[in-house]
């Protein structure tokens, strides 16, 4: 394994382990969702997801994994597959995890009078159009304002956004686990010179 490959895997693992310590993941059985119940004669929908502080903390780090500007992004880890020192097992696990995540992101999330929207679009419209950036000419910003026009839409889409965050986190955690196993299988070769005889 090339030293730069090892360093990228180590950096990926460190960041994945860091985000696992965040309070966003405290209630792993019930991070996001909704409850529909009848209150008197009316139906009520109660949404739940992590608060803004928890969300901001996780997104600050999650962006490193989803934007292809960083060496540890999920997409750019594909560059490591050309390293002949990486096992086929790691390459296979990485590709399966990445493919599953992309398949989920590219599924239809909603369809109606406003058109169709995929899970990837919802993730990007919140991350890049509402929370992380504010550029009115940006596609994600425009998409957010097209799909989020009232409080109910905002709550539904925001819950869906949190579902996608969990999908990405699961992918990151699984890639980190495979990477840790890969590093254990491939010990670091010392650069020291052998003793003279």
Protein backbone atom coordinates (compact mmCIF):
# COMPACT_ATOMS: atom_id res chain seq x y z
CA UNK A 1 0.00 0.00 0.00
CA UNK A 2 1.35 3.41 -0.95
CA UNK A 3 2.07 5.76 1.99
CA UNK A 4 -0.37 8.38 0.61
CA UNK A 5 -3.09 5.72 0.39
CA UNK A 6 -2.47 4.71 4.00
CA UNK A 7 -2.60 8.35 5.08
CA UNK A 8 -5.95 8.93 3.34
CA UNK A 9 -7.44 5.82 4.95
CA UNK A 10 -6.12 6.86 8.37
CA UNK A 11 -7.56 10.37 7.90
CA UNK A 12 -10.91 8.91 6.78
CA UNK A 13 -11.04 6.63 9.83
CA UNK A 14 -10.13 9.46 12.24
CA UNK A 15 -12.86 11.74 10.89
CA UNK A 16 -15.42 8.90 10.88
CA UNK A 17 -14.55 8.06 14.50
CA UNK A 18 -14.83 11.73 15.44
CA UNK A 19 -18.35 12.12 14.05
CA UNK A 20 -19.41 8.96 15.86
CA UNK A 21 -18.71 10.75 19.14
CA UNK A 22 -21.15 13.58 18.32
CA UNK A 23 -24.46 13.80 20.09
CA UNK A 24 -26.27 13.58 16.73
CA UNK A 25 -25.98 9.81 17.07
CA UNK A 26 -26.94 9.57 20.76
CA UNK A 27 -30.36 8.07 20.10
CA UNK A 28 -29.44 5.65 17.30
CA UNK A 29 -32.78 3.84 17.40
CA UNK A 30 -34.81 7.02 16.86
CA UNK A 31 -32.72 9.79 15.27
CA UNK A 32 -35.41 11.05 12.91
CA UNK A 33 -39.07 10.40 12.27
CA UNK A 34 -42.60 11.49 12.82
CA UNK A 35 -45.65 10.47 14.80
CA UNK A 36 -49.21 10.89 13.56
CA UNK A 37 -51.83 10.89 16.28
CA UNK A 38 -55.38 12.00 16.85
CA UNK A 39 -55.74 14.80 19.37
CA UNK A 40 -59.40 15.40 20.08
CA UNK A 41 -61.09 15.48 16.68
CA UNK A 42 -57.99 16.60 14.77
CA UNK A 43 -54.96 14.75 13.48
CA UNK A 44 -51.58 15.99 14.60
CA UNK A 45 -48.14 15.26 13.13
CA UNK A 46 -45.14 15.54 15.42
CA UNK A 47 -41.74 15.53 13.71
CA UNK A 48 -38.51 14.77 15.52
CA UNK A 49 -34.91 15.10 14.48
CA UNK A 50 -31.70 16.35 16.06
CA UNK A 51 -31.66 20.03 16.96
CA UNK A 52 -29.82 22.69 14.95
CA UNK A 53 -26.64 22.56 17.03
CA UNK A 54 -26.30 18.79 16.58
CA UNK A 55 -27.12 19.04 12.89
CA UNK A 56 -24.62 21.84 12.28
CA UNK A 57 -21.84 19.90 14.02
CA UNK A 58 -22.41 16.77 11.97
CA UNK A 59 -22.80 18.66 8.67
CA UNK A 60 -19.55 20.55 9.15
CA UNK A 61 -17.74 17.21 9.09
CA UNK A 62 -20.05 15.32 6.76
CA UNK A 63 -19.31 17.80 3.97
CA UNK A 64 -15.77 16.40 3.82
CA UNK A 65 -17.21 13.02 2.88
CA UNK A 66 -19.70 14.22 0.26
CA UNK A 67 -17.95 17.07 -1.54
CA UNK A 68 -15.34 15.80 -3.96
CA UNK A 69 -12.98 18.63 -3.03
CA UNK A 70 -11.41 16.63 -0.21
CA UNK A 71 -9.09 13.61 -0.33
CA UNK A 72 -11.36 11.71 2.07
CA UNK A 73 -14.61 12.20 0.17
CA UNK A 74 -16.47 8.98 -0.56
CA UNK A 75 -16.26 9.69 -4.28
CA UNK A 76 -12.53 10.44 -4.30
CA UNK A 77 -11.70 7.29 -2.34
CA UNK A 78 -12.24 5.53 -5.68
CA UNK A 79 -8.77 6.86 -6.57
CA UNK A 80 -7.36 4.38 -4.05
CA UNK A 81 -8.62 1.45 -6.11
CA UNK A 82 -5.67 1.91 -8.48
CA UNK A 83 -3.23 1.18 -5.63
CA UNK A 84 -2.14 -2.43 -6.15
CA UNK A 85 -1.33 -2.59 -2.43
CA UNK A 86 -5.04 -2.29 -1.54
CA UNK A 87 -6.76 -5.63 -1.30
CA UNK A 88 -9.56 -6.67 -3.61
CA UNK A 89 -11.64 -7.18 -0.48
CA UNK A 90 -11.41 -3.47 0.46
CA UNK A 91 -12.11 -2.41 -3.13
CA UNK A 92 -15.16 -4.67 -3.30
CA UNK A 93 -16.56 -3.49 0.07
CA UNK A 94 -15.96 0.15 -0.81
CA UNK A 95 -17.67 -0.22 -4.20
CA UNK A 96 -20.67 -2.03 -2.68
CA UNK A 97 -21.13 0.64 0.02
CA UNK A 98 -20.71 3.50 -2.44
CA UNK A 99 -23.05 1.93 -4.98
CA UNK A 100 -25.74 1.29 -2.34
CA UNK A 101 -25.51 4.87 -1.11
CA UNK A 102 -25.72 6.27 -4.65
CA UNK A 103 -28.65 3.99 -5.48
CA UNK A 104 -30.54 5.30 -2.44
CA UNK A 105 -29.67 8.92 -3.21
CA UNK A 106 -30.91 8.53 -6.77
CA UNK A 107 -34.29 7.08 -5.75
CA UNK A 108 -37.45 9.12 -6.18
CA UNK A 109 -38.34 10.90 -2.94
CA UNK A 110 -41.44 12.80 -4.04
CA UNK A 111 -43.56 13.43 -7.09
CA UNK A 112 -46.39 15.87 -7.57
CA UNK A 113 -47.46 19.17 -9.08
CA UNK A 114 -43.99 20.64 -8.43
CA UNK A 115 -42.33 17.82 -10.36
CA UNK A 116 -40.10 15.04 -9.11
CA UNK A 117 -37.34 15.19 -6.55
CA UNK A 118 -34.73 12.60 -5.66
CA UNK A 119 -33.21 12.02 -2.22
CA UNK A 120 -29.90 13.44 -3.48
CA UNK A 121 -31.72 16.66 -4.41
CA UNK A 122 -33.23 16.96 -0.94
CA UNK A 123 -29.84 16.41 0.67
CA UNK A 124 -28.17 18.99 -1.58
CA UNK A 125 -30.97 21.56 -1.34
CA UNK A 126 -30.64 21.66 2.45
CA UNK A 127 -26.86 21.29 2.64
CA UNK A 128 -26.01 23.68 -0.21
CA UNK A 129 -29.22 25.66 -0.63
CA UNK A 130 -30.48 26.35 2.87
CA UNK A 131 -27.92 25.53 5.57
CA UNK A 132 -24.37 25.55 4.20
CA UNK A 133 -24.58 28.23 1.52
CA UNK A 134 -26.89 30.98 0.43
CA UNK A 135 -26.42 31.79 -3.24
CA UNK A 136 -29.70 32.68 -4.90
CA UNK A 137 -28.47 31.65 -8.36
CA UNK A 138 -27.43 28.21 -7.08
CA UNK A 139 -29.46 25.20 -8.22
CA UNK A 140 -29.81 23.87 -4.66
CA UNK A 141 -31.07 27.22 -3.37
CA UNK A 142 -33.67 27.44 -6.15
CA UNK A 143 -34.74 23.85 -5.55
CA UNK A 144 -35.20 24.51 -1.83
CA UNK A 145 -37.45 27.49 -2.50
CA UNK A 146 -39.43 25.54 -5.08
CA UNK A 147 -40.14 22.61 -2.77
CA UNK A 148 -40.31 24.29 0.63
CA UNK A 149 -43.14 26.81 0.56
CA UNK A 150 -44.88 26.16 3.88
CA UNK A 151 -44.19 24.78 7.33
CA UNK A 152 -45.48 21.25 6.61
CA UNK A 153 -43.34 20.91 3.47
CA UNK A 154 -40.36 22.22 5.41
CA UNK A 155 -40.86 19.66 8.18
CA UNK A 156 -41.38 16.76 5.75
CA UNK A 157 -38.37 17.67 3.64
CA UNK A 158 -36.21 18.38 6.69
CA UNK A 159 -37.05 14.95 8.12
CA UNK A 160 -36.16 13.40 4.77
CA UNK A 161 -32.89 15.36 4.81
CA UNK A 162 -32.07 13.80 8.19
CA UNK A 163 -32.88 10.35 6.81
CA UNK A 164 -30.30 10.95 4.09
CA UNK A 165 -27.75 12.20 6.63
CA UNK A 166 -28.14 8.87 8.43
CA UNK A 167 -27.63 6.97 5.14
CA UNK A 168 -24.41 8.89 4.48
CA UNK A 169 -23.24 8.34 8.06
CA UNK A 170 -23.84 4.60 7.77
CA UNK A 171 -21.82 4.52 4.54
CA UNK A 172 -18.99 6.49 6.17
CA UNK A 173 -18.95 4.24 9.23
CA UNK A 174 -18.93 1.09 7.09
CA UNK A 175 -16.14 2.38 4.84
CA UNK A 176 -14.15 3.33 7.96
CA UNK A 177 -14.63 -0.18 9.35
CA UNK A 178 -13.45 -1.77 6.08
CA UNK A 179 -10.52 0.66 5.98
CA UNK A 180 -9.49 -0.15 9.54
CA UNK A 181 -9.52 -3.86 8.68
CA UNK A 182 -7.48 -3.11 5.55
CA UNK A 183 -4.84 -1.26 7.54
CA UNK A 184 -4.63 -4.15 10.01
CA UNK A 185 -4.18 -6.60 7.13
CA UNK A 186 -1.47 -4.47 5.55
CA UNK A 187 1.14 -3.55 8.16
CA UNK A 188 3.18 -0.43 7.58
CA UNK A 189 6.56 -1.14 6.04
CA UNK A 190 9.36 0.57 7.91
CA UNK A 191 11.58 2.87 5.91
CA UNK A 192 14.58 2.22 8.17
CA UNK A 193 17.76 0.79 6.71
CA UNK A 194 18.85 -2.74 7.67
CA UNK A 195 21.80 -3.07 10.03
CA UNK A 196 25.18 -3.35 8.32
CA UNK A 197 26.81 -6.76 8.58
